[in-house]
């Protein structure tokens, strides 16, 4: 089964969703949970079978699709993509299990299973065209989820989400076609294999143009400032499960693609654009933190907080060293766990009161103590409290960028403090003080269904904050190979100076051992 484990992970949910059309409505939740549980078990099996000592791709599958143009069904995972696949399977399971009763429940569950296929396909694809197909297909289920189950402005939010991301993706596709053309010019053969493209060394001027083409597609997906305006509408109008999947998994497609495509393919362009992108990342962190502080809607606070933390991920990615990139990949996992949990928690209170305005609450800690405790733990994880999951990723990301710019890292660190201010202020408004609204006095605390979804997230947030090695180790090994590849492909002296040469580091370390 290991020979085709990735194909099974990709297509099993979609196949199950097709069979789900004949499942009775009364049984659809149990069916969806069963399918998602099997998928999650398969992802854990993938993790179990993965060799953390190997930095390259594992479980590779290859099948020619259009041989004349070098397009093939090529899959594989490394430490960078492995845990995002596990996270996608995990959140699909949690999302289906925690769904409240709603109209067209069957449609929602089947849509989530189709969405799961596209998400895992993006993170497993090693052929650019296959990657692009899954990337674009992921828009359709999310468009439907927001448009069919969203708030009053759901049509506007879903169309804006689609147009922004689809437009950026078309520019990215043009970059992919040019990349294949340059590969053909250099080798005489066509190929859309990302691994084959890694072997191609391009002149700096060509790298700059291609980097911009890929950047637009990825930056809109993240979303980076100033392309972020679609996200607050999408989060604000989406149902809880839509916000959870969007924040936990879909936004990671952009940051993952930077690591998989932009850095190893265009190392000189990455160095050239490092500081401008870092400026945008710091604006993301500071600006969205200030906007979050001004919000009166608790869900919008979490939405803008999500954008702010994505800025830290971008900063770590463009540190262009092992510490920064490993920290950013780990923070992708951490951000998925924490932001997904926070959106679930907002959904819990929305189900009870059908409002997200913080002015409607106050004193909930005395009414819903278990809910307040879980929310408090996730707030602490969100602000990067030591021994929680976000702290590890943020620390490594800032440590990595500190090697490139002390002052900009200081600015980013101060901005994270602003993040702590607005999250704690929101927590205070909702949970502390007297219960002034009579509608809140008899609210039920979290039920068993909600606890089943939230408790595992609390455990993960603390476990990986205390002991991140099981995840950070494989990530670090794969990132080291990416950084070394970047150094070897760099053509300018500035790029060679900015991107560390890990072989020389190993030689120095060996010399020290011999001296001892």
Protein backbone atom coordinates (compact mmCIF):
# COMPACT_ATOMS: atom_id res chain seq x y z
CA UNK A 1 0.00 0.00 0.00
CA UNK A 2 2.95 2.33 0.62
CA UNK A 3 3.66 2.40 -3.13
CA UNK A 4 0.37 4.24 -3.69
CA UNK A 5 -0.31 5.76 -0.28
CA UNK A 6 -0.37 9.33 -1.62
CA UNK A 7 -2.85 8.52 -4.38
CA UNK A 8 -5.05 6.78 -1.83
CA UNK A 9 -4.88 9.81 0.45
CA UNK A 10 -5.81 12.14 -2.41
CA UNK A 11 -8.63 10.26 -4.09
CA UNK A 12 -10.20 8.24 -1.27
CA UNK A 13 -12.19 11.24 0.12
CA UNK A 14 -13.48 12.20 -3.35
CA UNK A 15 -14.45 8.60 -4.14
CA UNK A 16 -16.18 8.31 -0.78
CA UNK A 17 -17.99 11.60 -1.46
CA UNK A 18 -19.34 10.22 -4.74
CA UNK A 19 -20.68 7.14 -2.93
CA UNK A 20 -22.03 9.51 -0.29
CA UNK A 21 -24.72 10.73 -2.68
CA UNK A 22 -26.63 7.48 -2.10
CA UNK A 23 -26.23 7.56 1.70
CA UNK A 24 -29.37 8.44 3.67
CA UNK A 25 -29.49 11.91 5.19
CA UNK A 26 -29.91 10.49 8.68
CA UNK A 27 -26.62 8.58 8.35
CA UNK A 28 -24.54 11.16 6.54
CA UNK A 29 -22.76 12.55 9.61
CA UNK A 30 -21.66 9.06 10.72
CA UNK A 31 -20.59 8.30 7.15
CA UNK A 32 -18.59 11.53 6.86
CA UNK A 33 -16.89 11.03 10.21
CA UNK A 34 -16.00 7.44 9.27
CA UNK A 35 -14.48 8.47 5.94
CA UNK A 36 -12.54 11.34 7.54
CA UNK A 37 -11.33 9.07 10.36
CA UNK A 38 -10.03 6.50 7.83
CA UNK A 39 -8.29 9.32 5.93
CA UNK A 40 -6.71 10.62 9.12
CA UNK A 41 -5.56 7.11 10.03
CA UNK A 42 -3.95 6.81 6.59
CA UNK A 43 -2.14 10.13 7.12
CA UNK A 44 -0.84 8.90 10.48
CA UNK A 45 0.34 5.72 8.77
CA UNK A 46 2.17 7.91 6.23
CA UNK A 47 3.85 9.74 9.13
CA UNK A 48 4.72 6.42 10.80
CA UNK A 49 6.28 5.03 7.61
CA UNK A 50 8.14 8.25 6.80
CA UNK A 51 11.90 8.07 7.42
CA UNK A 52 12.85 11.29 9.26
CA UNK A 53 16.56 10.76 8.53
CA UNK A 54 15.98 11.14 4.77
CA UNK A 55 15.80 14.74 3.61
CA UNK A 56 14.56 14.08 0.07
CA UNK A 57 11.22 13.01 -1.34
CA UNK A 58 9.63 9.77 -0.20
CA UNK A 59 6.66 7.63 -1.35
CA UNK A 60 7.09 8.99 -4.88
CA UNK A 61 4.62 7.98 -7.60
CA UNK A 62 5.01 8.72 -11.29
CA UNK A 63 2.68 8.17 -14.24
CA UNK A 64 3.10 9.87 -17.64
CA UNK A 65 0.08 11.99 -18.60
CA UNK A 66 1.23 13.99 -21.65
CA UNK A 67 4.76 12.67 -22.36
CA UNK A 68 5.28 14.97 -25.36
CA UNK A 69 5.23 17.98 -23.03
CA UNK A 70 6.74 16.31 -19.99
CA UNK A 71 3.53 16.46 -17.95
CA UNK A 72 3.20 13.56 -15.52
CA UNK A 73 1.29 12.53 -12.46
CA UNK A 74 4.19 12.97 -10.04
CA UNK A 75 3.71 12.81 -6.27
CA UNK A 76 6.01 12.77 -3.24
CA UNK A 77 6.37 14.12 0.27
CA UNK A 78 9.21 15.40 2.40
CA UNK A 79 9.36 16.89 5.87
CA UNK A 80 7.98 20.19 4.57
CA UNK A 81 4.74 18.76 3.15
CA UNK A 82 4.21 15.69 5.38
CA UNK A 83 2.76 17.44 8.41
CA UNK A 84 0.53 19.81 6.42
CA UNK A 85 -1.05 16.71 4.84
CA UNK A 86 -1.60 15.22 8.32
CA UNK A 87 -3.04 18.57 9.46
CA UNK A 88 -5.45 18.67 6.49
CA UNK A 89 -6.74 15.18 7.29
CA UNK A 90 -7.01 16.05 10.99
CA UNK A 91 -9.01 19.24 10.50
CA UNK A 92 -11.36 17.63 8.00
CA UNK A 93 -12.16 15.00 10.63
CA UNK A 94 -12.61 17.60 13.37
CA UNK A 95 -14.65 19.84 11.09
CA UNK A 96 -17.12 17.12 10.10
CA UNK A 97 -17.37 15.79 13.67
CA UNK A 98 -18.09 19.26 15.11
CA UNK A 99 -20.62 20.38 12.47
CA UNK A 100 -23.80 21.72 14.08
CA UNK A 101 -27.16 20.69 12.65
CA UNK A 102 -27.75 22.74 9.52
CA UNK A 103 -29.69 22.82 6.31
CA UNK A 104 -28.27 20.63 3.55
CA UNK A 105 -25.92 18.85 5.96
CA UNK A 106 -25.30 16.16 3.35
CA UNK A 107 -24.12 18.71 0.79
CA UNK A 108 -21.73 20.28 3.31
CA UNK A 109 -20.09 16.98 4.29
CA UNK A 110 -19.63 15.84 0.69
CA UNK A 111 -18.21 19.26 -0.23
CA UNK A 112 -15.69 19.00 2.61
CA UNK A 113 -14.56 15.59 1.36
CA UNK A 114 -14.04 16.94 -2.17
CA UNK A 115 -12.14 19.90 -0.67
CA UNK A 116 -9.92 17.49 1.24
CA UNK A 117 -8.91 15.82 -2.03
CA UNK A 118 -7.76 19.13 -3.51
CA UNK A 119 -5.86 20.20 -0.39
CA UNK A 120 -3.85 17.01 -0.08
CA UNK A 121 -3.27 17.02 -3.84
CA UNK A 122 -1.62 20.46 -3.63
CA UNK A 123 0.81 19.39 -0.91
CA UNK A 124 1.70 16.06 -2.55
CA UNK A 125 2.05 17.19 -6.19
CA UNK A 126 5.56 17.45 -7.65
CA UNK A 127 4.47 18.22 -11.21
CA UNK A 128 3.67 21.90 -11.73
CA UNK A 129 0.57 21.27 -13.88
CA UNK A 130 -0.85 18.70 -11.44
CA UNK A 131 -0.11 21.16 -8.64
CA UNK A 132 -1.93 23.91 -10.55
CA UNK A 133 -4.97 21.71 -11.21
CA UNK A 134 -5.40 20.85 -7.52
CA UNK A 135 -4.63 24.50 -6.57
CA UNK A 136 -7.46 25.77 -8.78
CA UNK A 137 -9.91 22.99 -7.91
CA UNK A 138 -9.64 23.92 -4.23
CA UNK A 139 -11.41 27.21 -5.04
CA UNK A 140 -14.64 25.52 -6.09
CA UNK A 141 -15.64 23.75 -2.82
CA UNK A 142 -14.68 26.79 -0.71
CA UNK A 143 -16.63 29.09 -3.06
CA UNK A 144 -19.66 26.83 -2.56
CA UNK A 145 -19.24 26.64 1.23
CA UNK A 146 -19.12 30.43 1.60
CA UNK A 147 -21.81 31.12 -0.99
CA UNK A 148 -24.30 28.49 0.21
CA UNK A 149 -23.91 28.63 4.01
CA UNK A 150 -22.42 32.08 4.64
CA UNK A 151 -23.78 35.32 6.09
CA UNK A 152 -25.76 38.15 4.46
CA UNK A 153 -22.84 39.23 2.24
CA UNK A 154 -21.87 35.68 1.34
CA UNK A 155 -22.18 36.12 -2.46
CA UNK A 156 -19.96 39.20 -2.45
CA UNK A 157 -17.42 37.48 -0.17
CA UNK A 158 -17.31 34.25 -2.20
CA UNK A 159 -17.00 36.02 -5.57
CA UNK A 160 -14.26 38.32 -4.24
CA UNK A 161 -12.40 35.30 -2.82
CA UNK A 162 -12.65 33.49 -6.16
CA UNK A 163 -11.67 36.42 -8.39
CA UNK A 164 -8.65 37.41 -6.30
CA UNK A 165 -7.18 33.92 -6.06
CA UNK A 166 -8.10 32.87 -9.61
CA UNK A 167 -6.47 35.98 -11.13
CA UNK A 168 -3.26 35.44 -9.17
CA UNK A 169 -3.24 31.79 -10.18
CA UNK A 170 -3.39 32.65 -13.89
CA UNK A 171 -0.27 34.81 -13.57
CA UNK A 172 1.39 31.91 -11.72
CA UNK A 173 0.44 29.57 -14.59
CA UNK A 174 2.16 31.87 -17.07
CA UNK A 175 5.29 31.68 -14.91
CA UNK A 176 5.08 27.88 -14.93
CA UNK A 177 4.83 27.79 -18.72
CA UNK A 178 7.87 30.04 -19.06
CA UNK A 179 9.74 27.86 -16.58
CA UNK A 180 9.03 24.78 -18.70
CA UNK A 181 10.11 26.73 -21.82
CA UNK A 182 13.45 27.70 -20.26
CA UNK A 183 13.97 24.10 -19.17
CA UNK A 184 13.34 23.00 -22.77
CA UNK A 185 15.81 25.60 -24.03
CA UNK A 186 18.47 24.27 -21.65
CA UNK A 187 17.94 20.52 -22.02
CA UNK A 188 16.05 20.00 -25.29
CA UNK A 189 13.19 18.22 -23.48
CA UNK A 190 9.95 19.41 -21.91
CA UNK A 191 9.32 18.86 -18.23
CA UNK A 192 6.98 20.23 -15.59
CA UNK A 193 8.60 18.22 -12.81
CA UNK A 194 9.54 20.51 -9.94
CA UNK A 195 12.47 18.23 -9.09
CA UNK A 196 13.78 18.54 -12.65
CA UNK A 197 13.38 22.31 -12.49
CA UNK A 198 15.54 22.35 -9.36
CA UNK A 199 18.50 21.37 -11.57
CA UNK A 200 18.09 24.46 -13.77
CA UNK A 201 20.28 27.50 -13.04
CA UNK A 202 18.75 30.67 -14.52
CA UNK A 203 20.32 34.13 -15.03
CA UNK A 204 19.32 36.68 -12.40
CA UNK A 205 17.23 38.85 -14.77
CA UNK A 206 15.07 35.87 -15.80
CA UNK A 207 14.75 34.81 -12.16
CA UNK A 208 13.38 38.24 -11.24
CA UNK A 209 10.53 38.11 -13.75
CA UNK A 210 9.60 34.53 -12.97
CA UNK A 211 9.77 35.20 -9.23
CA UNK A 212 7.23 38.03 -9.63
CA UNK A 213 4.87 35.80 -11.63
CA UNK A 214 4.92 33.07 -8.98
CA UNK A 215 4.86 35.65 -6.18
CA UNK A 216 1.53 37.13 -7.26
CA UNK A 217 -0.21 33.77 -7.17
CA UNK A 218 1.27 32.81 -3.81
CA UNK A 219 0.97 36.24 -2.14
CA UNK A 220 -2.76 36.51 -2.89
CA UNK A 221 -3.32 33.04 -1.44
CA UNK A 222 -1.44 33.80 1.82
CA UNK A 223 -2.78 36.63 1.68
CA UNK A 224 -0.01 39.22 1.93
CA UNK A 225 -0.52 42.95 2.25
CA UNK A 226 -1.90 44.62 0.10
CA UNK A 227 -3.68 41.56 -1.38
CA UNK A 228 -5.34 40.66 1.92
CA UNK A 229 -8.67 42.47 1.54
CA UNK A 230 -10.58 39.36 0.41
CA UNK A 231 -9.80 37.43 3.60
CA UNK A 232 -11.76 39.40 6.24
CA UNK A 233 -14.88 39.19 4.04
CA UNK A 234 -14.35 35.48 3.46
CA UNK A 235 -13.89 34.79 7.17
CA UNK A 236 -16.66 37.14 8.23
CA UNK A 237 -19.28 35.63 5.92
CA UNK A 238 -18.14 31.98 5.89
CA UNK A 239 -19.76 29.45 8.23
CA UNK A 240 -17.57 28.26 11.09
CA UNK A 241 -16.29 25.20 9.24
CA UNK A 242 -15.38 27.35 6.23
CA UNK A 243 -13.31 29.70 8.38
CA UNK A 244 -11.64 26.75 10.13
CA UNK A 245 -10.52 25.04 6.91
CA UNK A 246 -9.58 28.34 5.28
CA UNK A 247 -7.36 29.45 8.18
CA UNK A 248 -5.94 26.05 9.11
CA UNK A 249 -5.10 24.68 5.65
CA UNK A 250 -5.95 26.78 2.59
CA UNK A 251 -3.86 29.80 3.57
CA UNK A 252 -0.85 27.49 4.01
CA UNK A 253 -0.90 26.72 0.29
CA UNK A 254 0.68 30.12 -0.42
CA UNK A 255 3.40 29.93 2.22
CA UNK A 256 4.13 26.28 1.35
CA UNK A 257 4.45 27.21 -2.33
CA UNK A 258 7.04 29.88 -1.50
CA UNK A 259 9.21 27.17 0.09
CA UNK A 260 8.56 24.57 -2.61
CA UNK A 261 8.86 26.83 -5.67
CA UNK A 262 10.18 30.36 -5.13
CA UNK A 263 13.19 29.74 -2.88
CA UNK A 264 14.85 26.76 -4.61
CA UNK A 265 13.95 27.82 -8.17
CA UNK A 266 14.93 31.49 -7.86
CA UNK A 267 17.56 31.88 -5.11
CA UNK A 268 19.06 35.10 -6.49
CA UNK A 269 15.62 36.68 -6.96
CA UNK A 270 14.69 35.57 -3.43
CA UNK A 271 17.70 37.48 -2.09
CA UNK A 272 16.92 40.48 -4.32
CA UNK A 273 13.32 40.70 -3.08
CA UNK A 274 14.08 39.63 0.50
CA UNK A 275 13.96 43.10 2.08
CA UNK A 276 10.91 44.40 0.14
CA UNK A 277 8.99 41.26 1.09
CA UNK A 278 10.17 41.59 4.68
CA UNK A 279 8.80 45.15 4.72
CA UNK A 280 5.44 43.86 3.46
CA UNK A 281 5.51 41.12 6.10
CA UNK A 282 6.15 43.62 8.91
CA UNK A 283 3.35 45.85 7.58
CA UNK A 284 1.12 42.75 7.66
CA UNK A 285 2.05 42.08 11.27
CA UNK A 286 1.64 45.66 12.52
CA UNK A 287 -1.23 46.94 10.37
CA UNK A 288 -3.51 43.92 10.77
CA UNK A 289 -2.75 43.79 14.51
CA UNK A 290 -3.93 47.40 14.85
CA UNK A 291 -7.03 46.68 12.75
CA UNK A 292 -7.75 43.62 14.89
CA UNK A 293 -7.59 45.78 18.03
CA UNK A 294 -10.26 48.09 16.57
CA UNK A 295 -12.73 45.30 15.79
CA UNK A 296 -15.94 44.77 17.73
CA UNK A 297 -16.69 41.40 16.12
CA UNK A 298 -14.76 38.58 17.83
CA UNK A 299 -14.55 36.59 14.59
CA UNK A 300 -12.98 39.54 12.78
CA UNK A 301 -10.44 39.84 15.60
CA UNK A 302 -9.41 36.22 14.96
CA UNK A 303 -9.43 36.80 11.17
CA UNK A 304 -7.09 39.80 11.30
CA UNK A 305 -4.98 38.00 13.89
CA UNK A 306 -4.60 35.18 11.37
CA UNK A 307 -3.25 37.61 8.74
CA UNK A 308 -0.85 39.11 11.29
CA UNK A 309 0.64 35.72 12.16
CA UNK A 310 0.97 34.84 8.48
CA UNK A 311 3.30 37.84 8.29
CA UNK A 312 5.66 36.13 10.74
CA UNK A 313 5.61 33.01 8.56
CA UNK A 314 6.58 35.10 5.50
CA UNK A 315 9.36 36.77 7.48
CA UNK A 316 10.81 33.40 8.52
CA UNK A 317 10.53 32.02 4.98
CA UNK A 318 12.56 34.88 3.53
CA UNK A 319 15.23 34.65 6.20
CA UNK A 320 16.71 32.22 3.63
CA UNK A 321 18.43 30.12 6.29
CA UNK A 322 17.61 26.86 8.04
CA UNK A 323 16.42 28.43 11.29
CA UNK A 324 14.03 30.85 9.60
CA UNK A 325 12.56 28.47 7.02
CA UNK A 326 12.21 25.60 9.52
CA UNK A 327 10.53 28.02 11.92
CA UNK A 328 8.14 29.24 9.22
CA UNK A 329 7.14 25.69 8.21
CA UNK A 330 6.62 24.76 11.87
CA UNK A 331 4.62 27.96 12.35
CA UNK A 332 2.39 26.94 9.43
CA UNK A 333 1.43 23.87 11.48
CA UNK A 334 1.12 25.90 14.68
CA UNK A 335 -0.96 28.61 13.01
CA UNK A 336 -3.25 25.96 11.58
CA UNK A 337 -3.83 24.37 14.98
CA UNK A 338 -4.33 27.63 16.90
CA UNK A 339 -6.32 29.67 14.37
CA UNK A 340 -8.48 26.65 13.52
CA UNK A 341 -9.22 26.17 17.22
CA UNK A 342 -10.04 29.86 17.72
CA UNK A 343 -12.52 29.84 14.84
CA UNK A 344 -14.12 26.69 16.26
CA UNK A 345 -14.41 28.44 19.63
CA UNK A 346 -16.04 31.49 18.04
CA UNK A 347 -18.48 29.11 16.35
CA UNK A 348 -19.39 27.60 19.73
CA UNK A 349 -20.60 30.93 21.14
CA UNK A 350 -22.22 31.93 17.86
CA UNK A 351 -24.38 28.79 17.92
CA UNK A 352 -25.71 29.79 21.34
CA UNK A 353 -26.26 33.53 20.83
CA UNK A 354 -26.20 34.05 17.03
CA UNK A 355 -24.03 37.10 17.47
CA UNK A 356 -20.28 37.67 17.34
CA UNK A 357 -20.26 41.18 18.78
CA UNK A 358 -18.08 41.39 21.90
CA UNK A 359 -20.38 44.06 23.39
CA UNK A 360 -23.07 41.37 23.69
CA UNK A 361 -20.93 39.33 26.06
CA UNK A 362 -18.96 39.80 29.28
CA UNK A 363 -18.52 37.60 32.31
CA UNK A 364 -18.73 34.33 30.35
CA UNK A 365 -15.97 32.80 32.49
CA UNK A 366 -18.45 32.36 35.34
CA UNK A 367 -21.18 31.01 33.06
CA UNK A 368 -19.10 28.75 30.77
CA UNK A 369 -15.91 27.93 32.73
CA UNK A 370 -14.77 25.02 30.53
CA UNK A 371 -15.27 27.09 27.39
CA UNK A 372 -13.37 30.02 28.95
CA UNK A 373 -10.47 27.74 29.95
CA UNK A 374 -10.05 26.28 26.47
CA UNK A 375 -10.36 29.72 24.89
CA UNK A 376 -7.76 31.07 27.32
CA UNK A 377 -5.27 28.31 26.47
CA UNK A 378 -5.65 29.03 22.76
CA UNK A 379 -5.28 32.77 23.30
CA UNK A 380 -2.02 32.10 25.17
CA UNK A 381 -0.86 29.88 22.30
CA UNK A 382 -1.84 32.57 19.79
CA UNK A 383 0.24 35.26 21.49
CA UNK A 384 3.26 32.94 21.57
CA UNK A 385 3.48 32.09 25.28
CA UNK A 386 6.56 29.90 25.91
CA UNK A 387 5.75 26.17 26.07
CA UNK A 388 2.95 26.63 23.54
CA UNK A 389 3.14 25.70 19.88
CA UNK A 390 3.28 29.21 18.35
CA UNK A 391 6.27 30.19 20.47
CA UNK A 392 8.53 27.61 18.80
CA UNK A 393 7.68 28.73 15.27
CA UNK A 394 7.80 32.46 16.02
CA UNK A 395 11.09 32.19 17.91
CA UNK A 396 12.81 30.27 15.10
CA UNK A 397 11.37 32.55 12.40
CA UNK A 398 12.62 35.68 14.17
CA UNK A 399 15.92 34.02 15.03
CA UNK A 400 16.43 33.23 11.35
CA UNK A 401 15.62 36.74 10.14
CA UNK A 402 17.77 38.26 12.89
CA UNK A 403 20.76 36.99 10.90
CA UNK A 404 19.62 39.16 7.97
CA UNK A 405 18.44 42.33 9.74
CA UNK A 406 18.53 43.12 13.46
CA UNK A 407 16.32 46.22 13.21
CA UNK A 408 13.54 44.63 11.14
CA UNK A 409 13.47 41.65 13.47
CA UNK A 410 13.10 44.04 16.40
CA UNK A 411 10.15 45.73 14.67
CA UNK A 412 8.51 42.35 14.05
CA UNK A 413 9.06 41.35 17.68
CA UNK A 414 7.44 44.55 18.93
CA UNK A 415 4.51 43.96 16.59
CA UNK A 416 3.96 40.51 18.11
CA UNK A 417 3.58 42.26 21.47
CA UNK A 418 0.76 44.33 19.90
CA UNK A 419 -0.81 40.98 18.99
CA UNK A 420 -0.77 39.97 22.63
CA UNK A 421 -2.50 43.23 23.54
CA UNK A 422 -5.48 42.86 21.19
CA UNK A 423 -6.01 39.16 21.92
CA UNK A 424 -5.95 39.70 25.67
CA UNK A 425 -8.21 42.74 25.34
CA UNK A 426 -10.75 40.70 23.37
CA UNK A 427 -10.53 37.87 25.91
CA UNK A 428 -11.15 40.34 28.73
CA UNK A 429 -14.22 41.86 27.05
CA UNK A 430 -15.84 38.50 26.44
CA UNK A 431 -14.99 36.53 29.57
CA UNK A 432 -14.29 38.82 32.53
CA UNK A 433 -16.37 41.27 34.53
CA UNK A 434 -20.02 41.00 35.49
CA UNK A 435 -22.67 39.29 33.39
CA UNK A 436 -24.58 42.34 32.21
CA UNK A 437 -26.66 40.71 29.47
CA UNK A 438 -29.45 38.50 30.83
CA UNK A 439 -29.31 36.33 27.69
CA UNK A 440 -25.87 35.10 28.79
CA UNK A 441 -26.76 33.93 32.31
CA UNK A 442 -27.96 30.46 31.37
CA UNK A 443 -25.78 29.63 28.38
CA UNK A 444 -24.78 25.96 28.31
CA UNK A 445 -21.08 25.14 28.55
CA UNK A 446 -19.28 23.17 25.84
CA UNK A 447 -20.95 19.82 25.10
CA UNK A 448 -19.38 16.45 24.34
CA UNK A 449 -19.37 16.99 20.57
CA UNK A 450 -17.52 20.28 20.97
CA UNK A 451 -15.08 18.86 23.52
CA UNK A 452 -14.18 16.01 21.17
CA UNK A 453 -13.12 18.63 18.60
CA UNK A 454 -11.39 21.07 20.95
CA UNK A 455 -9.51 18.90 23.48
CA UNK A 456 -7.16 17.32 20.87
CA UNK A 457 -6.24 20.82 19.66
CA UNK A 458 -5.42 21.93 23.20
CA UNK A 459 -3.24 18.83 23.69
CA UNK A 460 -1.37 19.44 20.41
CA UNK A 461 -0.87 23.14 21.19
CA UNK A 462 0.85 22.27 24.46
CA UNK A 463 2.58 19.02 23.43
CA UNK A 464 4.37 20.52 20.41
CA UNK A 465 5.17 23.63 22.42
CA UNK A 466 6.93 21.55 25.06
CA UNK A 467 8.43 18.90 22.75
CA UNK A 468 8.49 19.98 19.06
CA UNK A 469 11.19 17.51 17.95
CA UNK A 470 8.87 14.87 16.36
CA UNK A 471 7.68 17.52 13.88
CA UNK A 472 10.63 19.91 13.80
CA UNK A 473 13.24 17.20 13.16
CA UNK A 474 11.93 16.00 9.74
CA UNK A 475 11.13 19.59 8.75
CA UNK A 476 14.69 20.67 9.56
CA UNK A 477 16.26 17.86 7.51
CA UNK A 478 14.26 18.75 4.39
CA UNK A 479 14.85 22.48 4.83
CA UNK A 480 18.61 21.90 5.04
CA UNK A 481 18.56 20.28 1.59
CA UNK A 482 16.54 23.23 0.20
CA UNK A 483 18.96 25.81 1.64
CA UNK A 484 22.00 23.93 0.35
CA UNK A 485 20.39 23.69 -3.11
CA UNK A 486 19.76 27.44 -3.04
CA UNK A 487 23.39 28.17 -2.18
CA UNK A 488 24.67 25.91 -4.95
CA UNK A 489 22.36 27.47 -7.56
CA UNK A 490 23.00 31.10 -6.59
CA UNK A 491 24.80 33.02 -9.34
CA UNK A 492 25.44 36.40 -7.65
CA UNK A 493 27.93 37.02 -4.88
CA UNK A 494 25.29 38.70 -2.70
CA UNK A 495 23.06 35.62 -2.90
CA UNK A 496 25.95 33.31 -2.05
CA UNK A 497 26.74 35.52 0.96
CA UNK A 498 23.12 35.70 2.17
CA UNK A 499 22.33 31.98 1.76
CA UNK A 500 24.48 29.82 4.05
CA UNK A 501 26.66 27.03 2.68
CA UNK A 502 25.79 24.08 4.92
CA UNK A 503 28.61 21.88 3.61
CA UNK A 504 31.20 24.35 4.90
CA UNK A 505 29.38 24.39 8.25
CA UNK A 506 29.64 20.62 8.43
CA UNK A 507 33.34 20.75 7.56
CA UNK A 508 33.96 23.35 10.27
CA UNK A 509 32.11 21.25 12.82
CA UNK A 510 34.11 18.17 11.87
CA UNK A 511 37.34 20.15 12.21
CA UNK A 512 36.30 21.23 15.70
CA UNK A 513 35.66 17.64 16.67
CA UNK A 514 39.09 16.58 15.37
CA UNK A 515 40.71 19.42 17.35
CA UNK A 516 39.00 18.22 20.53
